[in-house]
Amino acid sequence: MDENYTEAPELDWIGTLKRNPIHMMLESASLPIRYGVLLEILDDTSSDDVLALQNNLRKHQPRRKRMAEQDDKGLWPLDPATDKLEINQKKTLQLIHQLEVLHELVDFAVTKKSEKAILGMREIIRLIAENQFTLRLHHLSQAIYLGIEMGLEGNPIIKDLIRDILKKQNSDGGWSSLESEQDSCIWSSMFFLWCMGHSEKFKKNRGLKKGLAYLRENALQADKSQLVPGMQAWDTLTSGTSGMGILSGGSLRLLEVEMLFDGGQRDRKTEKKVDWLIDQQLKTGLWPSIIGRDRRGDHMVTLRALRVLKHFQSLRVRETQDYDD
């Protein structure tokens, strides 16, 4: 890898960190994460390194395995043990499995250019359109996020999902995990806001601004929904694509939401959270999966932390330079 990657003036923000993790990430992280570092952190779209990684990603074994499991219809088959379930239960599990696998592939750097990914997304839309599911908010949000990533945000089914969720916003600004529940769930609300932060069509919706105010008011408090109980959840920075892992991410997920909605404006309260995140960097140069429990660090958490820090620290550096000038 090029040793001069972090010497460009636009990368001055890296100097605000305790340690520069770039070279370690490029040497030891998995292919999708290394590709993310080059593309998203270093803005490299054309070097020999990034082109080589693009080619190698097609051979990435976990990604190839998932792609090969898809059937001709675009479905990722369920475990045979589900055959004894009722048809409605199987359809619900099929939709959730479809969401989780496609989300995993997006984390493996699969994009809307992939025919298999588009085929899988169209099956998600078909399942939602043809059935009446009782789903938790994070599953509906996951469908919206994947629709956005696959370039299908304008699809009527996706737009209807968004509008229905916005209509069900609670008076405090949050959303319940299930329609039958009364209390807002901060983790479900935060994940929905994170998903909608990727939307260009709905990003400025008033309901989302109200949701962001709810999120800020209730941040760093124990949640009433019990889906992700306890204060430890805020220190759990790792997030997943299946099960309750979809809702995890803690304080890092909160900063990701702030980044998506801040419009390039600095905020003192947010900057305190950014300073906290900088302080959590380990001696290895990485960020931990769980604060206080992980001493080695996690590559995916570090990539997500670098995205956040690139955004907020670049604003700081730019303002300081303007002041000096």
Protein backbone atom coordinates (compact mmCIF):
# COMPACT_ATOMS: atom_id res chain seq x y z
CA MET A 1 0.00 0.00 0.00
CA ASP A 2 1.11 3.57 -0.70
CA GLU A 3 2.99 4.98 2.30
CA ASN A 4 1.94 8.57 1.47
CA TYR A 5 -1.77 8.01 1.91
CA THR A 6 -2.17 10.30 4.93
CA GLU A 7 0.08 13.19 3.88
CA ALA A 8 -2.46 15.07 1.73
CA PRO A 9 -3.71 18.39 3.25
CA GLU A 10 -7.35 17.21 3.22
CA LEU A 11 -6.34 14.40 5.61
CA ASP A 12 -5.11 16.77 8.35
CA TRP A 13 -7.98 15.55 10.56
CA ILE A 14 -6.12 12.27 11.08
CA GLY A 15 -3.55 14.24 13.07
CA THR A 16 -6.23 15.00 15.68
CA LEU A 17 -6.40 11.29 16.63
CA LYS A 18 -4.23 9.70 19.30
CA ARG A 19 -2.88 7.21 16.77
CA ASN A 20 -3.07 6.81 13.01
CA PRO A 21 -4.75 3.43 12.34
CA ILE A 22 -4.80 3.66 8.53
CA HIS A 23 -1.74 1.54 7.74
CA MET A 24 -2.75 -1.13 10.25
CA MET A 25 -6.24 -1.28 8.75
CA LEU A 26 -4.89 -1.60 5.22
CA GLU A 27 -2.55 -4.38 6.29
CA SER A 28 -4.73 -6.52 8.55
CA ALA A 29 -8.45 -5.84 8.01
CA SER A 30 -10.70 -7.95 5.78
CA LEU A 31 -11.07 -7.08 2.09
CA PRO A 32 -14.38 -5.17 2.39
CA ILE A 33 -13.06 -3.07 5.28
CA ARG A 34 -9.79 -2.28 3.51
CA TYR A 35 -11.81 -1.27 0.48
CA GLY A 36 -13.98 0.96 2.71
CA VAL A 37 -10.88 2.65 4.17
CA LEU A 38 -9.54 3.49 0.71
CA LEU A 39 -12.87 4.58 -0.73
CA GLU A 40 -14.57 6.36 2.18
CA ILE A 41 -11.74 7.50 4.44
CA LEU A 42 -8.99 8.25 1.93
CA ASP A 43 -11.28 9.16 -1.02
CA ASP A 44 -9.28 6.85 -3.27
CA THR A 45 -11.32 5.73 -6.29
CA SER A 46 -8.70 5.08 -8.96
CA SER A 47 -5.35 3.91 -7.54
CA ASP A 48 -3.90 0.50 -8.35
CA ASP A 49 -4.60 -0.49 -4.74
CA VAL A 50 -8.31 0.23 -4.87
CA LEU A 51 -8.73 -1.34 -8.32
CA ALA A 52 -6.97 -4.48 -7.11
CA LEU A 53 -9.26 -4.65 -4.08
CA GLN A 54 -12.31 -4.27 -6.32
CA ASN A 55 -11.23 -7.31 -8.28
CA ASN A 56 -10.35 -9.30 -5.18
CA LEU A 57 -13.71 -8.51 -3.54
CA ARG A 58 -15.44 -10.70 -6.11
CA LYS A 59 -13.37 -13.60 -4.78
CA HIS A 60 -13.97 -12.75 -1.10
CA GLN A 61 -15.05 -16.13 0.30
CA PRO A 62 -17.87 -15.06 2.70
CA ARG A 63 -19.33 -12.87 -0.04
CA ARG A 64 -19.07 -15.58 -2.71
CA LYS A 65 -20.63 -18.12 -0.37
CA ARG A 66 -23.67 -15.90 0.29
CA MET A 67 -24.10 -15.14 -3.40
CA ALA A 68 -23.95 -18.84 -4.30
CA GLU A 69 -26.69 -19.68 -1.79
CA GLN A 70 -29.27 -17.56 -3.63
CA ASP A 71 -31.78 -19.51 -5.73
CA ASP A 72 -33.00 -18.65 -9.24
CA LYS A 73 -35.91 -16.59 -7.89
CA GLY A 74 -33.61 -14.37 -5.86
CA LEU A 75 -34.38 -15.93 -2.48
CA TRP A 76 -31.88 -17.12 0.08
CA PRO A 77 -33.41 -20.46 1.21
CA LEU A 78 -34.41 -21.04 4.81
CA ASP A 79 -33.08 -23.83 6.98
CA PRO A 80 -34.94 -27.11 6.18
CA ALA A 81 -35.98 -27.23 9.86
CA THR A 82 -38.52 -24.48 9.07
CA ASP A 83 -40.48 -26.75 6.70
CA LYS A 84 -42.83 -27.82 9.49
CA LEU A 85 -43.89 -24.25 10.26
CA GLU A 86 -47.14 -22.69 9.07
CA ILE A 87 -46.99 -20.90 5.74
CA ASN A 88 -47.35 -17.41 7.30
CA GLN A 89 -44.54 -18.12 9.75
CA LYS A 90 -42.31 -19.29 6.92
CA LYS A 91 -43.05 -16.17 4.88
CA THR A 92 -42.17 -13.95 7.84
CA LEU A 93 -38.92 -15.83 8.43
CA GLN A 94 -38.14 -15.71 4.71
CA LEU A 95 -38.49 -11.94 4.66
CA ILE A 96 -36.33 -11.47 7.75
CA HIS A 97 -33.70 -13.86 6.39
CA GLN A 98 -33.74 -12.02 3.07
CA LEU A 99 -33.21 -8.70 4.85
CA GLU A 100 -30.37 -9.99 6.99
CA VAL A 101 -28.45 -11.66 4.16
CA LEU A 102 -28.73 -8.69 1.82
CA HIS A 103 -27.64 -6.32 4.61
CA GLU A 104 -24.64 -8.56 5.23
CA LEU A 105 -23.78 -8.40 1.53
CA VAL A 106 -23.99 -4.59 1.60
CA ASP A 107 -21.41 -4.70 4.41
CA PHE A 108 -19.34 -6.88 2.07
CA ALA A 109 -19.34 -3.95 -0.40
CA VAL A 110 -22.00 -5.41 -2.71
CA THR A 111 -23.82 -2.57 -4.50
CA LYS A 112 -26.83 -2.02 -6.73
CA LYS A 113 -24.61 -2.94 -9.69
CA SER A 114 -24.96 -6.57 -8.62
CA GLU A 115 -27.83 -8.33 -10.40
CA LYS A 116 -28.11 -10.84 -7.56
CA ALA A 117 -28.44 -8.05 -5.00
CA ILE A 118 -31.16 -6.33 -7.02
CA LEU A 119 -32.95 -9.64 -7.50
CA GLY A 120 -32.81 -10.23 -3.74
CA MET A 121 -34.16 -6.74 -3.04
CA ARG A 122 -37.05 -7.22 -5.46
CA GLU A 123 -38.03 -10.38 -3.58
CA ILE A 124 -38.06 -8.35 -0.35
CA ILE A 125 -40.40 -5.84 -1.97
CA ARG A 126 -42.58 -8.64 -3.38
CA LEU A 127 -42.91 -10.34 0.01
CA ILE A 128 -43.91 -7.06 1.68
CA ALA A 129 -46.38 -6.22 -1.09
CA GLU A 130 -48.11 -9.61 -1.14
CA ASN A 131 -48.39 -10.28 2.60
CA GLN A 132 -49.62 -8.69 5.82
CA PHE A 133 -46.69 -8.94 8.23
CA THR A 134 -46.51 -7.90 11.86
CA LEU A 135 -42.92 -6.78 12.03
CA ARG A 136 -40.84 -4.78 14.44
CA LEU A 137 -39.73 -1.33 13.39
CA HIS A 138 -36.11 -2.36 12.91
CA HIS A 139 -37.07 -4.93 10.26
CA LEU A 140 -39.18 -2.37 8.39
CA SER A 141 -36.33 0.13 8.70
CA GLN A 142 -33.87 -2.45 7.39
CA ALA A 143 -36.06 -2.93 4.30
CA ILE A 144 -36.08 0.84 3.75
CA TYR A 145 -32.29 1.11 4.15
CA LEU A 146 -31.68 -1.72 1.69
CA GLY A 147 -34.13 -0.15 -0.76
CA ILE A 148 -32.13 3.08 -0.58
CA GLU A 149 -28.82 1.24 -1.03
CA MET A 150 -30.17 -0.67 -4.01
CA GLY A 151 -31.40 2.52 -5.71
CA LEU A 152 -35.07 1.63 -5.19
CA GLU A 153 -36.03 4.38 -2.77
CA GLY A 154 -38.63 5.60 -5.27
CA ASN A 155 -40.39 2.23 -5.33
CA PRO A 156 -44.03 2.66 -4.17
CA ILE A 157 -43.73 -0.10 -1.56
CA ILE A 158 -40.64 1.51 0.00
CA LYS A 159 -42.24 4.97 -0.05
CA ASP A 160 -45.40 3.60 1.58
CA LEU A 161 -43.32 1.95 4.32
CA ILE A 162 -41.62 5.27 5.08
CA ARG A 163 -44.89 7.21 5.13
CA ASP A 164 -46.61 4.64 7.35
CA ILE A 165 -43.77 4.75 9.90
CA LEU A 166 -43.72 8.55 9.91
CA LYS A 167 -47.48 8.57 10.63
CA LYS A 168 -46.96 6.30 13.65
CA GLN A 169 -44.51 8.65 15.37
CA ASN A 170 -45.29 9.04 19.08
CA SER A 171 -45.95 12.41 20.72
CA ASP A 172 -42.48 12.41 22.31
CA GLY A 173 -40.88 12.18 18.86
CA GLY A 174 -39.83 8.54 19.04
CA TRP A 175 -41.30 5.36 17.61
CA SER A 176 -42.41 2.13 19.27
CA SER A 177 -40.78 -1.14 18.28
CA LEU A 178 -44.21 -2.70 17.67
CA GLU A 179 -47.41 -0.88 16.76
CA SER A 180 -49.14 -2.50 19.76
CA GLU A 181 -46.63 -0.96 22.19
CA GLN A 182 -47.09 2.50 23.72
CA ASP A 183 -43.60 3.54 24.79
CA SER A 184 -41.04 4.78 22.31
CA CYS A 185 -37.98 2.57 21.85
CA ILE A 186 -34.81 4.64 21.56
CA TRP A 187 -32.87 1.85 19.82
CA SER A 188 -35.58 1.23 17.21
CA SER A 189 -35.98 4.98 16.73
CA MET A 190 -32.23 5.48 16.37
CA PHE A 191 -31.93 2.71 13.79
CA PHE A 192 -34.86 4.14 11.81
CA LEU A 193 -33.24 7.59 11.86
CA TRP A 194 -29.92 6.07 10.77
CA CYS A 195 -31.65 4.37 7.85
CA MET A 196 -33.51 7.55 6.87
CA GLY A 197 -30.30 9.55 7.12
CA HIS A 198 -29.26 7.82 3.88
CA SER A 199 -32.38 9.08 2.10
CA GLU A 200 -32.20 12.10 -0.19
CA LYS A 201 -35.97 12.19 -0.70
CA PHE A 202 -37.12 12.21 2.93
CA LYS A 203 -34.08 13.44 4.86
CA LYS A 204 -35.54 16.90 5.60
CA ASN A 205 -38.91 15.59 6.77
CA ARG A 206 -40.20 17.35 9.90
CA GLY A 207 -40.93 14.06 11.60
CA LEU A 208 -37.29 13.05 11.31
CA LYS A 209 -36.19 16.35 12.88
CA LYS A 210 -38.59 15.71 15.74
CA GLY A 211 -37.20 12.18 16.04
CA LEU A 212 -33.67 13.56 16.21
CA ALA A 213 -34.73 15.86 19.08
CA TYR A 214 -36.19 12.83 20.90
CA LEU A 215 -32.96 10.93 20.35
CA ARG A 216 -30.83 13.76 21.76
CA GLU A 217 -33.09 14.20 24.78
CA ASN A 218 -33.05 10.50 25.70
CA ALA A 219 -29.49 9.60 24.75
CA LEU A 220 -27.28 7.80 27.29
CA GLN A 221 -30.28 6.66 29.31
CA ALA A 222 -31.61 3.16 29.92
CA ASP A 223 -34.38 2.28 27.47
CA LYS A 224 -37.93 1.39 28.46
CA SER A 225 -38.52 -1.08 25.64
CA GLN A 226 -36.25 -3.79 27.11
CA LEU A 227 -35.17 -4.81 23.62
CA VAL A 228 -31.60 -3.78 24.39
CA PRO A 229 -31.66 -3.36 28.18
CA GLY A 230 -29.14 -1.66 30.46
CA MET A 231 -26.63 1.14 30.20
CA GLN A 232 -23.98 -1.23 28.77
CA ALA A 233 -25.76 -0.92 25.43
CA TRP A 234 -24.39 2.61 25.00
CA ASP A 235 -20.83 1.25 25.35
CA THR A 236 -21.46 -1.53 22.81
CA LEU A 237 -20.11 0.04 19.63
CA THR A 238 -20.28 -3.03 17.42
CA SER A 239 -23.41 -3.52 15.32
CA GLY A 240 -24.67 -6.40 13.22
CA THR A 241 -27.02 -7.25 10.39
CA SER A 242 -29.19 -9.84 12.15
CA GLY A 243 -31.13 -10.33 15.36
CA MET A 244 -30.77 -7.64 18.02
CA GLY A 245 -27.36 -6.83 16.56
CA ILE A 246 -29.22 -4.61 14.11
CA LEU A 247 -30.10 -2.29 17.00
CA SER A 248 -26.66 -2.21 18.60
CA GLY A 249 -23.97 0.38 18.00
CA GLY A 250 -24.48 2.46 21.12
CA SER A 251 -22.89 5.89 21.27
CA LEU A 252 -21.15 5.35 17.93
CA ARG A 253 -24.51 4.78 16.22
CA LEU A 254 -25.74 7.99 17.86
CA LEU A 255 -22.82 9.91 16.33
CA GLU A 256 -23.48 8.29 12.96
CA VAL A 257 -27.04 9.63 13.08
CA GLU A 258 -25.78 13.10 14.06
CA MET A 259 -23.34 12.99 11.14
CA LEU A 260 -26.07 12.11 8.65
CA PHE A 261 -28.34 14.96 9.75
CA ASP A 262 -26.04 17.81 10.82
CA GLY A 263 -25.80 19.49 7.41
CA GLY A 264 -22.15 20.36 7.97
CA GLN A 265 -22.88 22.52 11.04
CA ARG A 266 -20.81 22.23 14.21
CA ASP A 267 -22.57 21.54 17.52
CA ARG A 268 -20.85 21.72 20.91
CA LYS A 269 -22.82 18.88 22.49
CA THR A 270 -22.04 16.61 19.56
CA GLU A 271 -18.37 17.59 19.72
CA LYS A 272 -18.21 16.44 23.33
CA LYS A 273 -19.36 13.02 22.13
CA VAL A 274 -16.73 13.17 19.37
CA ASP A 275 -14.02 13.92 21.96
CA TRP A 276 -15.26 10.95 23.98
CA LEU A 277 -14.98 8.72 20.90
CA ILE A 278 -11.41 9.89 20.26
CA ASP A 279 -10.52 9.00 23.85
CA GLN A 280 -11.77 5.43 23.35
CA GLN A 281 -9.08 4.61 20.77
CA LEU A 282 -6.99 1.70 22.03
CA LYS A 283 -3.21 1.38 22.10
CA THR A 284 -3.54 -0.90 19.08
CA GLY A 285 -4.89 2.10 17.11
CA LEU A 286 -8.29 0.47 16.76
CA TRP A 287 -11.60 1.15 18.50
CA PRO A 288 -13.13 -1.52 20.74
CA SER A 289 -16.26 -3.51 20.03
CA ILE A 290 -17.35 -2.90 23.66
CA ILE A 291 -15.87 -0.11 25.77
CA GLY A 292 -13.91 -1.47 28.73
CA ARG A 293 -14.13 -5.10 27.63
CA ASP A 294 -12.31 -5.29 24.31
CA ARG A 295 -8.57 -4.52 24.46
CA ARG A 296 -7.61 -5.58 20.94
CA GLY A 297 -10.09 -3.60 18.85
CA ASP A 298 -12.52 -4.26 16.04
CA HIS A 299 -11.86 -3.41 12.39
CA MET A 300 -15.47 -2.71 11.40
CA VAL A 301 -16.06 -0.53 14.47
CA THR A 302 -12.85 1.32 13.61
CA LEU A 303 -13.99 1.94 10.02
CA ARG A 304 -17.29 3.34 11.33
CA ALA A 305 -15.45 5.47 13.90
CA LEU A 306 -13.16 6.83 11.19
CA ARG A 307 -16.14 7.81 9.04
CA VAL A 308 -17.57 9.79 11.95
CA LEU A 309 -14.26 11.37 12.93
CA LYS A 310 -13.40 12.29 9.35
CA HIS A 311 -16.67 14.21 9.15
CA PHE A 312 -16.57 16.04 12.49
CA GLN A 313 -12.83 16.58 12.81
CA SER A 314 -12.62 17.91 9.25
CA LEU A 315 -15.17 20.57 10.25
CA ARG A 316 -12.99 21.50 13.23
CA VAL A 317 -9.77 21.63 11.23
CA ARG A 318 -11.40 23.67 8.47
CA GLU A 319 -12.81 26.21 10.95
CA THR A 320 -9.44 26.52 12.69
CA GLN A 321 -7.69 27.11 9.36
CA ASP A 322 -10.26 29.74 8.37
CA TYR A 323 -9.74 31.48 11.72
CA ASP A 324 -5.94 31.44 11.29
CA ASP A 325 -6.26 32.83 7.77
